Protein backbone atom coordinates (compact mmCIF):
# COMPACT_ATOMS: atom_id res chain seq x y z
CA UNK A 1 51.51 43.38 -30.24
CA UNK A 2 50.26 41.62 -27.11
CA UNK A 3 53.28 42.98 -25.22
CA UNK A 4 52.15 46.52 -25.96
CA UNK A 5 48.62 45.74 -24.84
CA UNK A 6 49.74 44.40 -21.46
CA UNK A 7 52.33 47.16 -20.82
CA UNK A 8 50.23 50.28 -21.48
CA UNK A 9 51.50 50.66 -25.02
CA UNK A 10 55.17 50.18 -24.17
CA UNK A 11 57.06 47.44 -25.95
CA UNK A 12 60.12 46.14 -24.12
CA UNK A 13 63.10 45.36 -26.34
CA UNK A 14 66.56 44.00 -25.89
CA UNK A 15 69.16 46.75 -25.92
CA UNK A 16 72.89 46.80 -25.53
CA UNK A 17 72.65 48.03 -21.94
CA UNK A 18 75.29 49.78 -19.92
CA UNK A 19 77.89 47.33 -18.71
CA UNK A 20 80.89 48.18 -16.59
CA UNK A 21 83.20 45.40 -17.71
CA UNK A 22 83.88 42.99 -20.52
CA UNK A 23 82.71 40.08 -18.38
CA UNK A 24 79.33 41.77 -17.81
CA UNK A 25 79.01 42.32 -21.56
CA UNK A 26 79.81 38.65 -22.17
CA UNK A 27 77.27 37.52 -19.56
CA UNK A 28 74.60 39.73 -21.13
CA UNK A 29 75.44 38.36 -24.59
CA UNK A 30 75.24 34.77 -23.36
CA UNK A 31 71.94 35.42 -21.56
CA UNK A 32 70.50 36.90 -24.78
CA UNK A 33 71.78 33.94 -26.78
CA UNK A 34 70.22 31.53 -24.27
CA UNK A 35 66.86 33.32 -24.42
CA UNK A 36 66.93 33.33 -28.22
CA UNK A 37 67.72 29.59 -28.23
CA UNK A 38 64.89 28.85 -25.81
CA UNK A 39 62.49 30.89 -27.96
CA UNK A 40 63.56 28.96 -31.07
CA UNK A 41 63.15 25.65 -29.23
CA UNK A 42 59.61 26.60 -28.15
CA UNK A 43 58.72 27.45 -31.75
CA UNK A 44 60.10 24.14 -33.00
CA UNK A 45 58.19 22.21 -30.32
CA UNK A 46 54.95 23.92 -31.37
CA UNK A 47 55.64 23.17 -35.03
CA UNK A 48 56.29 19.49 -34.28
CA UNK A 49 53.11 19.36 -32.24
CA UNK A 50 51.11 20.82 -35.13
CA UNK A 51 52.68 18.47 -37.69
CA UNK A 52 52.02 15.39 -35.52
CA UNK A 53 48.29 16.07 -35.40
């Protein structure tokens, strides 16, 4: 919701993209996996912080 408010109503999303080679597809997949892992880690850190208070 906040993404749409800051981007004039447009919500960016992760798509498959147009990749020229298998290695570019693999790099994109790994970058997505890394971002997802970092997002999950941030959520877990916040949850631990809340539970410790």
